[in-house]
């Protein structure tokens, strides 16, 4: 009888990542062992260490995957010179809202066991969103919409406040987060001293699935 074909390393990496994601969100990061992950992935523990040096490294890869998932569409929208300041800012807000409503089990983050995941995701999202938002604010200044001088300060202020709504431990549910995020446009508009309509206007027909 012929031996079953061996899986390529890339397939093992993806299957281990998928198994870890499911376990982290259902069981908790701290409570999930490498053995648990490999049992779910259907492989030996040794295979894990051929793909990842540690559970922590796997977590870093997973968090980057989530951050890219949330921001890749926005990056494409922001690179389009035909989209207005309003449309670009709306895209940023959509990414932040999506973090609270996507079906990757956000409620599972708000447990003591998954605090490490939430903190790392927040930091990763900050590093990804900061240059994108800064470019939007620069566009607003260039178009004469914004009268601000310290773009870096406003960028950090807006991101910290927005993502802070997602990082409140077990006190918040997905529904509560979504409710809080509904107020973000008004809060940001007050901070930038502009009409909130500038942050909530349509994107001139440009869809979120558009690519650069």
N, C-alpha and C. Protein backbone atom coordinates (compact mmCIF):
# COMPACT_ATOMS: atom_id res chain seq x y z
N UNK A 1 0.85 -1.20 0.00
CA UNK A 1 0.00 0.00 0.00
C UNK A 1 0.88 1.25 0.00
N UNK A 2 0.56 2.17 -0.87
CA UNK A 2 1.36 3.38 -0.97
C UNK A 2 1.17 4.25 0.27
N UNK A 3 2.26 4.88 0.68
CA UNK A 3 2.19 5.80 1.81
C UNK A 3 1.43 7.07 1.41
N UNK A 4 0.68 7.63 2.35
CA UNK A 4 0.00 8.89 2.03
C UNK A 4 1.01 9.99 1.75
N UNK A 5 0.66 10.87 0.84
CA UNK A 5 1.57 11.96 0.47
C UNK A 5 1.85 12.85 1.68
N UNK A 6 3.11 13.26 1.81
CA UNK A 6 3.47 14.14 2.91
C UNK A 6 2.97 15.55 2.63
N UNK A 7 2.55 16.21 3.69
CA UNK A 7 2.11 17.59 3.55
C UNK A 7 3.33 18.50 3.44
N UNK A 8 3.28 19.49 2.57
CA UNK A 8 4.38 20.45 2.50
C UNK A 8 4.41 21.31 3.76
N UNK A 9 5.57 21.87 4.10
CA UNK A 9 5.68 22.68 5.33
C UNK A 9 4.66 23.81 5.40
N UNK A 10 4.38 24.44 4.25
CA UNK A 10 3.44 25.56 4.25
C UNK A 10 2.05 25.11 4.68
N UNK A 11 1.66 23.90 4.27
CA UNK A 11 0.34 23.39 4.65
C UNK A 11 0.29 23.12 6.15
N UNK A 12 1.38 22.55 6.68
CA UNK A 12 1.42 22.32 8.13
C UNK A 12 1.34 23.63 8.89
N UNK A 13 2.06 24.63 8.43
CA UNK A 13 2.05 25.93 9.12
C UNK A 13 0.64 26.49 9.17
N UNK A 14 -0.07 26.42 8.05
CA UNK A 14 -1.43 26.96 8.00
C UNK A 14 -2.40 26.15 8.87
N UNK A 15 -2.27 24.83 8.84
CA UNK A 15 -3.17 23.99 9.62
C UNK A 15 -2.92 24.15 11.12
N UNK A 16 -1.66 24.30 11.49
CA UNK A 16 -1.32 24.54 12.90
C UNK A 16 -1.86 25.89 13.33
N UNK A 17 -1.73 26.88 12.45
CA UNK A 17 -2.22 28.23 12.76
C UNK A 17 -3.74 28.22 12.95
N UNK A 18 -4.44 27.52 12.07
CA UNK A 18 -5.90 27.44 12.17
C UNK A 18 -6.32 26.73 13.46
N UNK A 19 -5.63 25.64 13.79
CA UNK A 19 -5.95 24.91 15.01
C UNK A 19 -5.70 25.77 16.24
N UNK A 20 -4.60 26.50 16.23
CA UNK A 20 -4.27 27.36 17.37
C UNK A 20 -5.31 28.47 17.52
N UNK A 21 -5.72 29.07 16.41
CA UNK A 21 -6.72 30.14 16.48
C UNK A 21 -8.00 29.64 17.13
N UNK A 22 -8.47 28.49 16.69
CA UNK A 22 -9.71 27.94 17.25
C UNK A 22 -9.57 27.64 18.75
N UNK A 23 -8.42 27.10 19.14
CA UNK A 23 -8.22 26.76 20.55
C UNK A 23 -8.03 28.00 21.41
N UNK A 24 -7.29 28.98 20.90
CA UNK A 24 -7.08 30.20 21.68
C UNK A 24 -8.41 30.89 21.96
N UNK A 25 -9.29 30.90 20.96
CA UNK A 25 -10.56 31.60 21.11
C UNK A 25 -11.59 30.80 21.90
N UNK A 26 -11.46 29.49 21.92
CA UNK A 26 -12.43 28.67 22.64
C UNK A 26 -11.95 28.27 24.03
N UNK A 27 -10.65 28.01 24.13
CA UNK A 27 -10.10 27.50 25.38
C UNK A 27 -9.29 28.55 26.14
N UNK A 28 -8.68 29.47 25.38
CA UNK A 28 -7.82 30.48 26.00
C UNK A 28 -6.37 30.24 25.66
N UNK A 29 -5.62 31.32 25.48
CA UNK A 29 -4.21 31.20 25.10
C UNK A 29 -3.40 30.49 26.17
N UNK A 30 -3.53 30.92 27.41
CA UNK A 30 -2.73 30.35 28.48
C UNK A 30 -3.05 28.88 28.71
N UNK A 31 -4.32 28.51 28.53
CA UNK A 31 -4.74 27.14 28.80
C UNK A 31 -4.46 26.19 27.65
N UNK A 32 -4.05 26.72 26.51
CA UNK A 32 -3.78 25.88 25.33
C UNK A 32 -2.31 25.52 25.28
N UNK A 33 -2.03 24.23 25.19
CA UNK A 33 -0.64 23.77 25.10
C UNK A 33 -0.29 23.43 23.66
N UNK A 34 1.00 23.27 23.41
CA UNK A 34 1.44 22.85 22.08
C UNK A 34 0.86 21.49 21.74
N UNK A 35 0.77 20.61 22.74
CA UNK A 35 0.18 19.29 22.50
C UNK A 35 -1.28 19.40 22.09
N UNK A 36 -2.01 20.33 22.72
CA UNK A 36 -3.41 20.55 22.34
C UNK A 36 -3.51 20.98 20.88
N UNK A 37 -2.64 21.89 20.50
CA UNK A 37 -2.66 22.42 19.13
C UNK A 37 -2.39 21.31 18.12
N UNK A 38 -1.38 20.49 18.40
CA UNK A 38 -1.01 19.45 17.45
C UNK A 38 -2.03 18.32 17.42
N UNK A 39 -2.69 18.08 18.54
CA UNK A 39 -3.76 17.08 18.53
C UNK A 39 -4.89 17.55 17.62
N UNK A 40 -5.21 18.84 17.70
CA UNK A 40 -6.26 19.39 16.84
C UNK A 40 -5.82 19.44 15.38
N UNK A 41 -4.53 19.67 15.15
CA UNK A 41 -4.01 19.75 13.78
C UNK A 41 -3.75 18.37 13.18
N UNK A 42 -3.72 17.34 14.03
CA UNK A 42 -3.51 15.99 13.53
C UNK A 42 -2.06 15.66 13.24
N UNK A 43 -1.15 16.21 14.04
CA UNK A 43 0.27 15.94 13.82
C UNK A 43 1.00 15.74 15.13
N UNK A 44 2.27 15.36 15.01
CA UNK A 44 3.10 15.14 16.19
C UNK A 44 3.65 16.47 16.70
N UNK A 45 3.98 16.48 17.99
CA UNK A 45 4.50 17.71 18.59
C UNK A 45 5.76 18.19 17.89
N UNK A 46 6.58 17.25 17.44
CA UNK A 46 7.81 17.63 16.75
C UNK A 46 7.56 18.47 15.52
N UNK A 47 6.42 18.23 14.85
CA UNK A 47 6.10 19.00 13.65
C UNK A 47 5.85 20.47 14.00
N UNK A 48 5.29 20.70 15.19
CA UNK A 48 5.06 22.09 15.61
C UNK A 48 6.37 22.87 15.60
N UNK A 49 7.41 22.26 16.19
CA UNK A 49 8.67 22.98 16.34
C UNK A 49 9.47 23.04 15.04
N UNK A 50 9.03 22.31 14.03
CA UNK A 50 9.61 22.49 12.71
C UNK A 50 9.05 23.74 12.03
N UNK A 51 7.84 24.11 12.46
CA UNK A 51 7.16 25.25 11.85
C UNK A 51 7.30 26.53 12.68
N UNK A 52 7.27 26.39 14.00
CA UNK A 52 7.32 27.54 14.90
C UNK A 52 8.27 27.24 16.06
N UNK A 53 8.99 28.25 16.48
CA UNK A 53 9.94 28.06 17.57
C UNK A 53 9.24 27.89 18.91
N UNK A 54 8.08 28.52 19.05
CA UNK A 54 7.37 28.48 20.33
C UNK A 54 5.91 28.87 20.12
N UNK A 55 5.11 28.66 21.15
CA UNK A 55 3.71 29.10 21.09
C UNK A 55 3.63 30.61 20.98
N UNK A 56 4.58 31.31 21.59
CA UNK A 56 4.59 32.76 21.52
C UNK A 56 4.85 33.25 20.10
N UNK A 57 5.77 32.58 19.40
CA UNK A 57 6.03 32.97 18.01
C UNK A 57 4.78 32.73 17.16
N UNK A 58 4.10 31.61 17.39
CA UNK A 58 2.87 31.33 16.66
C UNK A 58 1.84 32.43 16.92
N UNK A 59 1.74 32.87 18.18
CA UNK A 59 0.79 33.94 18.50
C UNK A 59 1.13 35.21 17.74
N UNK A 60 2.41 35.54 17.64
CA UNK A 60 2.80 36.74 16.90
C UNK A 60 2.39 36.65 15.44
N UNK A 61 2.57 35.47 14.85
CA UNK A 61 2.17 35.26 13.45
C UNK A 61 0.66 35.41 13.31
N UNK A 62 -0.07 34.84 14.26
CA UNK A 62 -1.53 34.89 14.22
C UNK A 62 -2.04 36.32 14.36
N UNK A 63 -1.46 37.07 15.27
CA UNK A 63 -1.88 38.46 15.48
C UNK A 63 -1.60 39.30 14.23
N UNK A 64 -0.45 39.08 13.60
CA UNK A 64 -0.15 39.81 12.37
C UNK A 64 -1.13 39.45 11.27
N UNK A 65 -1.53 38.18 11.23
CA UNK A 65 -2.52 37.74 10.24
C UNK A 65 -3.83 38.48 10.44
N UNK A 66 -4.28 38.59 11.69
CA UNK A 66 -5.53 39.30 11.97
C UNK A 66 -5.41 40.77 11.60
N UNK A 67 -4.28 41.38 11.96
CA UNK A 67 -4.09 42.80 11.67
C UNK A 67 -4.11 43.06 10.17
N UNK A 68 -3.46 42.20 9.41
CA UNK A 68 -3.44 42.35 7.95
C UNK A 68 -4.85 42.17 7.39
N UNK A 69 -5.58 41.19 7.93
CA UNK A 69 -6.94 40.94 7.47
C UNK A 69 -7.81 42.18 7.63
N UNK A 70 -7.63 42.88 8.74
CA UNK A 70 -8.45 44.06 9.01
C UNK A 70 -8.04 45.27 8.19
N UNK A 71 -6.79 45.36 7.81
CA UNK A 71 -6.29 46.61 7.24
C UNK A 71 -5.99 46.55 5.75
N UNK A 72 -5.94 45.37 5.14
CA UNK A 72 -5.51 45.31 3.75
C UNK A 72 -6.48 46.03 2.81
N UNK A 73 -7.79 45.92 3.08
CA UNK A 73 -8.75 46.62 2.24
C UNK A 73 -8.62 48.13 2.41
N UNK A 74 -8.39 48.56 3.64
CA UNK A 74 -8.25 49.98 3.90
C UNK A 74 -7.02 50.55 3.20
N UNK A 75 -5.92 49.81 3.23
CA UNK A 75 -4.70 50.28 2.58
C UNK A 75 -4.93 50.52 1.10
N UNK A 76 -5.71 49.65 0.47
CA UNK A 76 -6.00 49.82 -0.95
C UNK A 76 -6.86 51.06 -1.19
N UNK A 77 -7.83 51.28 -0.32
CA UNK A 77 -8.67 52.47 -0.46
C UNK A 77 -7.85 53.74 -0.28
N UNK A 78 -6.94 53.73 0.67
CA UNK A 78 -6.18 54.93 0.97
C UNK A 78 -5.16 55.27 -0.11
N UNK A 79 -4.80 54.30 -0.93
CA UNK A 79 -3.83 54.58 -1.98
C UNK A 79 -4.50 55.16 -3.22
N UNK A 80 -5.82 55.23 -3.24
CA UNK A 80 -6.55 55.75 -4.40
C UNK A 80 -6.69 57.27 -4.28
N UNK A 81 -6.04 58.04 -5.16
CA UNK A 81 -6.10 59.50 -5.06
C UNK A 81 -7.48 60.07 -5.36
N UNK A 82 -8.37 59.26 -5.96
CA UNK A 82 -9.70 59.76 -6.29
C UNK A 82 -10.65 59.74 -5.10
N UNK A 83 -10.29 59.03 -4.04
CA UNK A 83 -11.15 58.96 -2.87
C UNK A 83 -10.87 60.17 -1.98
N UNK A 84 -11.93 60.81 -1.54
CA UNK A 84 -11.81 62.04 -0.77
C UNK A 84 -11.34 61.77 0.66
N UNK A 85 -11.05 62.86 1.35
CA UNK A 85 -10.70 62.78 2.77
C UNK A 85 -11.80 62.06 3.54
N UNK A 86 -13.05 62.41 3.26
CA UNK A 86 -14.18 61.79 3.96
C UNK A 86 -14.21 60.29 3.73
N UNK A 87 -14.02 59.88 2.48
CA UNK A 87 -14.04 58.46 2.15
C UNK A 87 -12.92 57.70 2.81
N UNK A 88 -11.74 58.31 2.86
CA UNK A 88 -10.60 57.63 3.47
C UNK A 88 -10.76 57.51 4.98
N UNK A 89 -11.30 58.55 5.59
CA UNK A 89 -11.50 58.47 7.04
C UNK A 89 -12.58 57.45 7.36
N UNK A 90 -13.60 57.38 6.51
CA UNK A 90 -14.65 56.38 6.70
C UNK A 90 -14.07 54.98 6.64
N UNK A 91 -13.08 54.77 5.77
CA UNK A 91 -12.44 53.46 5.65
C UNK A 91 -11.70 53.10 6.93
N UNK A 92 -11.02 54.09 7.52
CA UNK A 92 -10.33 53.85 8.79
C UNK A 92 -11.33 53.45 9.87
N UNK A 93 -12.43 54.17 9.95
CA UNK A 93 -13.45 53.86 10.96
C UNK A 93 -14.05 52.47 10.73
N UNK A 94 -14.20 52.10 9.46
CA UNK A 94 -14.74 50.77 9.15
C UNK A 94 -13.85 49.67 9.69
N UNK A 95 -12.53 49.85 9.58
CA UNK A 95 -11.60 48.84 10.08
C UNK A 95 -11.75 48.69 11.58
N UNK A 96 -11.84 49.81 12.28
CA UNK A 96 -11.97 49.76 13.73
C UNK A 96 -13.28 49.10 14.13
N UNK A 97 -14.36 49.43 13.41
CA UNK A 97 -15.65 48.80 13.71
C UNK A 97 -15.60 47.30 13.42
N UNK A 98 -14.91 46.95 12.33
CA UNK A 98 -14.87 45.55 11.94
C UNK A 98 -14.21 44.69 13.00
N UNK A 99 -13.28 45.28 13.74
CA UNK A 99 -12.62 44.53 14.80
C UNK A 99 -13.61 44.06 15.86
N UNK A 100 -14.72 44.78 15.99
CA UNK A 100 -15.70 44.42 17.02
C UNK A 100 -16.82 43.55 16.50
N UNK A 101 -16.92 43.38 15.19
CA UNK A 101 -18.08 42.68 14.66
C UNK A 101 -17.75 41.47 13.79
N UNK A 102 -16.47 41.27 13.45
CA UNK A 102 -16.12 40.13 12.62
C UNK A 102 -16.36 38.83 13.37
N UNK A 103 -16.46 37.76 12.65
CA UNK A 103 -16.84 36.48 13.23
C UNK A 103 -15.64 35.64 13.65
N UNK A 104 -14.60 36.27 14.20
CA UNK A 104 -13.48 35.49 14.70
C UNK A 104 -13.57 35.33 16.21
N UNK A 105 -14.77 35.59 16.77
CA UNK A 105 -14.97 35.33 18.19
C UNK A 105 -14.40 36.40 19.09
N UNK A 106 -14.73 37.66 18.82
CA UNK A 106 -14.15 38.74 19.61
C UNK A 106 -14.43 38.61 21.10
N UNK A 107 -15.60 38.06 21.48
CA UNK A 107 -15.90 37.95 22.90
C UNK A 107 -14.84 37.14 23.63
N UNK A 108 -14.24 36.19 22.93
CA UNK A 108 -13.25 35.33 23.57
C UNK A 108 -12.01 36.10 23.98
N UNK A 109 -11.76 37.26 23.34
CA UNK A 109 -10.61 38.05 23.74
C UNK A 109 -10.77 38.62 25.14
N UNK A 110 -12.01 38.86 25.55
CA UNK A 110 -12.25 39.59 26.79
C UNK A 110 -12.33 38.65 27.98
N UNK A 111 -11.27 37.87 28.12
CA UNK A 111 -11.11 36.99 29.26
C UNK A 111 -9.68 37.16 29.75
N UNK A 112 -9.46 36.81 31.01
CA UNK A 112 -8.11 36.95 31.57
C UNK A 112 -7.11 36.12 30.78
N UNK A 113 -7.54 34.95 30.30
CA UNK A 113 -6.64 34.06 29.60
C UNK A 113 -6.17 34.65 28.27
N UNK A 114 -7.03 35.43 27.63
CA UNK A 114 -6.69 35.96 26.32
C UNK A 114 -6.29 37.43 26.34
N UNK A 115 -5.99 37.95 27.52
CA UNK A 115 -5.56 39.34 27.60
C UNK A 115 -4.29 39.57 26.79
N UNK A 116 -3.40 38.57 26.78
CA UNK A 116 -2.16 38.71 26.03
C UNK A 116 -2.44 38.85 24.54
N UNK A 117 -3.46 38.13 24.03
CA UNK A 117 -3.80 38.22 22.62
C UNK A 117 -4.35 39.61 22.30
N UNK A 118 -5.27 40.08 23.14
CA UNK A 118 -5.89 41.38 22.90
C UNK A 118 -4.85 42.49 22.93
N UNK A 119 -3.94 42.44 23.90
CA UNK A 119 -2.92 43.48 24.00
C UNK A 119 -2.01 43.48 22.78
N UNK A 120 -1.64 42.30 22.31
CA UNK A 120 -0.76 42.24 21.14
C UNK A 120 -1.49 42.66 19.88
N UNK A 121 -2.75 42.27 19.77
CA UNK A 121 -3.53 42.69 18.60
C UNK A 121 -3.68 44.20 18.58
N UNK A 122 -3.92 44.79 19.74
CA UNK A 122 -4.06 46.24 19.82
C UNK A 122 -2.76 46.93 19.40
N UNK A 123 -1.63 46.43 19.88
CA UNK A 123 -0.34 47.02 19.51
C UNK A 123 -0.07 46.86 18.02
N UNK A 124 -0.38 45.68 17.49
CA UNK A 124 -0.15 45.44 16.07
C UNK A 124 -1.04 46.33 15.21
N UNK A 125 -2.30 46.46 15.61
CA UNK A 125 -3.22 47.31 14.87
C UNK A 125 -2.75 48.76 14.92
N UNK A 126 -2.23 49.19 16.06
CA UNK A 126 -1.73 50.56 16.19
C UNK A 126 -0.58 50.80 15.21
N UNK A 127 0.34 49.86 15.14
CA UNK A 127 1.50 50.03 14.25
C UNK A 127 1.08 50.05 12.79
N UNK A 128 0.02 49.30 12.46
CA UNK A 128 -0.44 49.26 11.07
C UNK A 128 -1.29 50.48 10.73
N UNK A 129 -2.17 50.87 11.66
CA UNK A 129 -3.11 51.96 11.39
C UNK A 129 -2.45 53.33 11.44
N UNK A 130 -1.41 53.49 12.26
CA UNK A 130 -0.82 54.82 12.46
C UNK A 130 -0.38 55.49 11.16
N UNK A 131 0.42 54.83 10.33
CA UNK A 131 0.82 55.51 9.08
C UNK A 131 -0.34 55.75 8.13
N UNK A 132 -1.34 54.85 8.15
CA UNK A 132 -2.51 55.03 7.29
C UNK A 132 -3.31 56.26 7.72
N UNK A 133 -3.56 56.36 9.02
CA UNK A 133 -4.32 57.49 9.52
C UNK A 133 -3.55 58.79 9.34
N UNK A 134 -2.25 58.75 9.56
CA UNK A 134 -1.43 59.96 9.38
C UNK A 134 -1.54 60.47 7.95
N UNK A 135 -1.57 59.55 6.99
CA UNK A 135 -1.68 59.98 5.59
C UNK A 135 -3.04 60.61 5.32
N UNK A 136 -4.09 60.11 6.00
CA UNK A 136 -5.43 60.69 5.84
C UNK A 136 -5.47 62.10 6.43
N UNK A 137 -4.88 62.27 7.61
CA UNK A 137 -4.85 63.59 8.23
C UNK A 137 -4.04 64.57 7.37
N UNK A 138 -2.94 64.11 6.80
CA UNK A 138 -2.16 64.96 5.91
C UNK A 138 -2.99 65.39 4.70
N UNK A 139 -3.81 64.45 4.20
CA UNK A 139 -4.70 64.77 3.08
C UNK A 139 -5.70 65.84 3.49
N UNK A 140 -6.23 65.73 4.71
CA UNK A 140 -7.18 66.73 5.19
C UNK A 140 -6.55 68.10 5.32
N UNK A 141 -5.30 68.14 5.77
CA UNK A 141 -4.58 69.41 5.88
C UNK A 141 -4.33 69.99 4.49
N UNK A 142 -3.90 69.12 3.58
CA UNK A 142 -3.60 69.55 2.21
C UNK A 142 -4.84 70.12 1.52
N UNK A 143 -6.00 69.52 1.79
CA UNK A 143 -7.25 69.98 1.16
C UNK A 143 -7.88 71.15 1.89
N UNK A 144 -7.26 71.60 2.98
CA UNK A 144 -7.79 72.72 3.72
C UNK A 144 -8.96 72.38 4.62
N UNK A 145 -9.18 71.09 4.86
CA UNK A 145 -10.29 70.65 5.71
C UNK A 145 -9.89 70.70 7.18
N UNK A 146 -8.66 70.33 7.47
CA UNK A 146 -8.17 70.30 8.84
C UNK A 146 -7.23 71.46 9.11
N UNK A 147 -7.32 71.99 10.31
CA UNK A 147 -6.42 73.07 10.73
C UNK A 147 -5.65 72.59 11.95
N UNK A 148 -4.88 71.53 11.77
CA UNK A 148 -4.07 70.98 12.85
C UNK A 148 -2.61 71.04 12.44
N UNK A 149 -1.73 71.04 13.43
CA UNK A 149 -0.31 71.16 13.14
C UNK A 149 0.48 69.90 13.47
N UNK A 150 0.13 69.25 14.56
CA UNK A 150 0.88 68.08 15.01
C UNK A 150 0.16 66.81 14.59
N UNK A 151 0.42 66.35 13.37
CA UNK A 151 -0.27 65.16 12.85
C UNK A 151 0.00 63.94 13.71
N UNK A 152 1.23 63.78 14.16
CA UNK A 152 1.58 62.60 14.96
C UNK A 152 0.77 62.55 16.25
N UNK A 153 0.60 63.70 16.90
CA UNK A 153 -0.18 63.73 18.14
C UNK A 153 -1.61 63.30 17.89
N UNK A 154 -2.25 63.87 16.87
CA UNK A 154 -3.65 63.54 16.59
C UNK A 154 -3.80 62.09 16.13
N UNK A 155 -2.82 61.60 15.39
CA UNK A 155 -2.86 60.20 14.96
C UNK A 155 -2.87 59.27 16.17
N UNK A 156 -1.94 59.47 17.07
CA UNK A 156 -1.85 58.61 18.26
C UNK A 156 -3.07 58.77 19.16
N UNK A 157 -3.55 60.00 19.28
CA UNK A 157 -4.70 60.28 20.14
C UNK A 157 -5.94 59.54 19.64
N UNK A 158 -6.17 59.61 18.33
CA UNK A 158 -7.36 58.98 17.75
C UNK A 158 -7.27 57.46 17.83
N UNK A 159 -6.11 56.91 17.48
CA UNK A 159 -5.97 55.45 17.50
C UNK A 159 -6.04 54.91 18.92
N UNK A 160 -5.34 55.55 19.84
CA UNK A 160 -5.37 55.08 21.23
C UNK A 160 -6.78 55.11 21.79
N UNK A 161 -7.51 56.18 21.49
CA UNK A 161 -8.88 56.27 21.99
C UNK A 161 -9.81 55.27 21.34
N UNK A 162 -9.63 55.05 20.03
CA UNK A 162 -10.50 54.13 19.30
C UNK A 162 -10.27 52.70 19.72
N UNK A 163 -9.00 52.27 19.69
CA UNK A 163 -8.70 50.89 20.05
C UNK A 163 -8.85 50.67 21.55
N UNK A 164 -8.77 51.75 22.32
CA UNK A 164 -8.98 51.62 23.75
C UNK A 164 -10.37 51.13 24.07
N UNK A 165 -11.33 51.44 23.19
CA UNK A 165 -12.70 50.96 23.39
C UNK A 165 -12.79 49.45 23.27
N UNK A 166 -11.76 48.83 22.66
CA UNK A 166 -11.75 47.38 22.51
C UNK A 166 -10.98 46.69 23.63
N UNK A 167 -10.35 47.45 24.48
CA UNK A 167 -9.42 46.86 25.44
C UNK A 167 -9.83 47.20 26.87
N UNK A 168 -10.95 46.64 27.29
CA UNK A 168 -11.46 46.93 28.62
C UNK A 168 -11.75 45.65 29.41
N UNK A 169 -11.01 44.59 29.09
CA UNK A 169 -11.17 43.36 29.84
C UNK A 169 -12.56 42.77 29.69
N UNK A 170 -13.01 42.05 30.70
CA UNK A 170 -14.26 41.30 30.60
C UNK A 170 -15.50 42.17 30.79
N UNK A 171 -15.32 43.46 30.98
CA UNK A 171 -16.48 44.32 31.23
C UNK A 171 -17.27 44.60 29.96
N UNK A 172 -16.68 44.37 28.80
CA UNK A 172 -17.37 44.70 27.56
C UNK A 172 -17.69 43.45 26.76
N UNK A 173 -18.81 43.50 26.06
CA UNK A 173 -19.17 42.47 25.10
C UNK A 173 -19.04 43.07 23.71
N UNK A 174 -19.20 42.23 22.69
CA UNK A 174 -19.13 42.74 21.32
C UNK A 174 -20.19 43.81 21.09
N UNK A 175 -21.39 43.58 21.65
CA UNK A 175 -22.47 44.55 21.45
C UNK A 175 -22.14 45.89 22.10
N UNK A 176 -21.57 45.84 23.30
CA UNK A 176 -21.20 47.09 23.98
C UNK A 176 -20.10 47.83 23.23
N UNK A 177 -19.15 47.07 22.70
CA UNK A 177 -18.07 47.70 21.94
C UNK A 177 -18.64 48.39 20.71
N UNK A 178 -19.50 47.68 19.98
CA UNK A 178 -20.10 48.26 18.78
C UNK A 178 -20.88 49.53 19.14
N UNK A 179 -21.56 49.50 20.27
CA UNK A 179 -22.31 50.68 20.72
C UNK A 179 -21.36 51.84 20.98
N UNK A 180 -20.24 51.57 21.65
CA UNK A 180 -19.27 52.63 21.92
C UNK A 180 -18.67 53.18 20.64
N UNK A 181 -18.40 52.28 19.68
CA UNK A 181 -17.77 52.72 18.44
C UNK A 181 -18.70 53.58 17.60
N UNK A 182 -20.00 53.47 17.83
CA UNK A 182 -20.94 54.33 17.10
C UNK A 182 -20.71 55.80 17.42
N UNK A 183 -20.14 56.07 18.59
CA UNK A 183 -19.90 57.45 19.00
C UNK A 183 -18.55 57.97 18.51
N UNK A 184 -17.73 57.09 17.95
CA UNK A 184 -16.38 57.50 17.55
C UNK A 184 -16.36 58.66 16.56
N UNK A 185 -17.17 58.62 15.48
CA UNK A 185 -17.10 59.74 14.54
C UNK A 185 -17.31 61.10 15.20
N UNK A 186 -18.29 61.18 16.11
CA UNK A 186 -18.56 62.45 16.76
C UNK A 186 -17.41 62.87 17.66
N UNK A 187 -16.85 61.92 18.39
CA UNK A 187 -15.73 62.23 19.27
C UNK A 187 -14.52 62.69 18.47
N UNK A 188 -14.24 61.99 17.37
CA UNK A 188 -13.10 62.36 16.53
C UNK A 188 -13.34 63.71 15.86
N UNK A 189 -14.57 63.94 15.41
CA UNK A 189 -14.90 65.23 14.79
C UNK A 189 -14.69 66.36 15.78
N UNK A 190 -15.10 66.16 17.02
CA UNK A 190 -14.89 67.18 18.04
C UNK A 190 -13.40 67.42 18.27
N UNK A 191 -12.62 66.34 18.26
CA UNK A 191 -11.18 66.46 18.47
C UNK A 191 -10.53 67.26 17.34
N UNK A 192 -10.96 66.98 16.10
CA UNK A 192 -10.38 67.65 14.93
C UNK A 192 -11.05 68.98 14.62
N UNK A 193 -12.15 69.27 15.35
CA UNK A 193 -12.90 70.52 15.18
C UNK A 193 -13.44 70.65 13.76
N UNK A 194 -14.12 69.59 13.31
CA UNK A 194 -14.76 69.59 12.00
C UNK A 194 -16.17 69.03 12.13
N UNK A 195 -16.96 69.18 11.07
CA UNK A 195 -18.32 68.65 11.05
C UNK A 195 -18.25 67.13 10.98
N UNK A 196 -19.03 66.45 11.81
CA UNK A 196 -19.01 64.99 11.83
C UNK A 196 -19.40 64.41 10.48
N UNK A 197 -20.16 65.15 9.67
CA UNK A 197 -20.57 64.65 8.36
C UNK A 197 -19.36 64.37 7.47
N UNK A 198 -18.26 65.07 7.70
CA UNK A 198 -17.06 64.85 6.91
C UNK A 198 -16.45 63.47 7.15
N UNK A 199 -16.78 62.87 8.29
CA UNK A 199 -16.23 61.56 8.63
C UNK A 199 -17.19 60.42 8.31
N UNK A 200 -18.40 60.75 7.94
CA UNK A 200 -19.40 59.71 7.73
C UNK A 200 -19.98 59.72 6.32
N UNK A 201 -19.46 60.58 5.45
CA UNK A 201 -19.95 60.63 4.08
C UNK A 201 -19.62 59.34 3.33
N UNK A 202 -20.38 59.08 2.27
CA UNK A 202 -20.12 57.90 1.44
C UNK A 202 -18.79 58.05 0.73
N UNK A 203 -18.28 56.92 0.22
CA UNK A 203 -16.96 56.91 -0.41
C UNK A 203 -17.03 57.15 -1.91
N UNK A 204 -17.95 57.95 -2.34
CA UNK A 204 -18.05 58.27 -3.77
C UNK A 204 -18.16 57.03 -4.64
N UNK A 205 -18.88 56.02 -4.12
CA UNK A 205 -19.11 54.82 -4.92
C UNK A 205 -17.97 53.83 -4.89
N UNK A 206 -16.87 54.13 -4.18
CA UNK A 206 -15.75 53.20 -4.13
C UNK A 206 -16.05 52.13 -3.10
N UNK A 207 -16.01 50.89 -3.49
CA UNK A 207 -16.34 49.80 -2.57
C UNK A 207 -15.14 49.34 -1.78
N UNK A 208 -15.43 48.66 -0.67
CA UNK A 208 -14.35 48.18 0.20
C UNK A 208 -13.56 47.07 -0.46
N UNK A 209 -14.10 46.44 -1.49
CA UNK A 209 -13.39 45.33 -2.12
C UNK A 209 -12.49 45.79 -3.26
N UNK A 210 -12.44 47.07 -3.50
CA UNK A 210 -11.59 47.58 -4.56
C UNK A 210 -10.13 47.33 -4.22
N UNK A 211 -9.33 47.01 -5.23
CA UNK A 211 -7.91 46.80 -5.01
C UNK A 211 -7.12 47.90 -5.68
N UNK A 212 -5.88 48.07 -5.22
CA UNK A 212 -5.04 49.14 -5.77
C UNK A 212 -4.51 48.76 -7.14
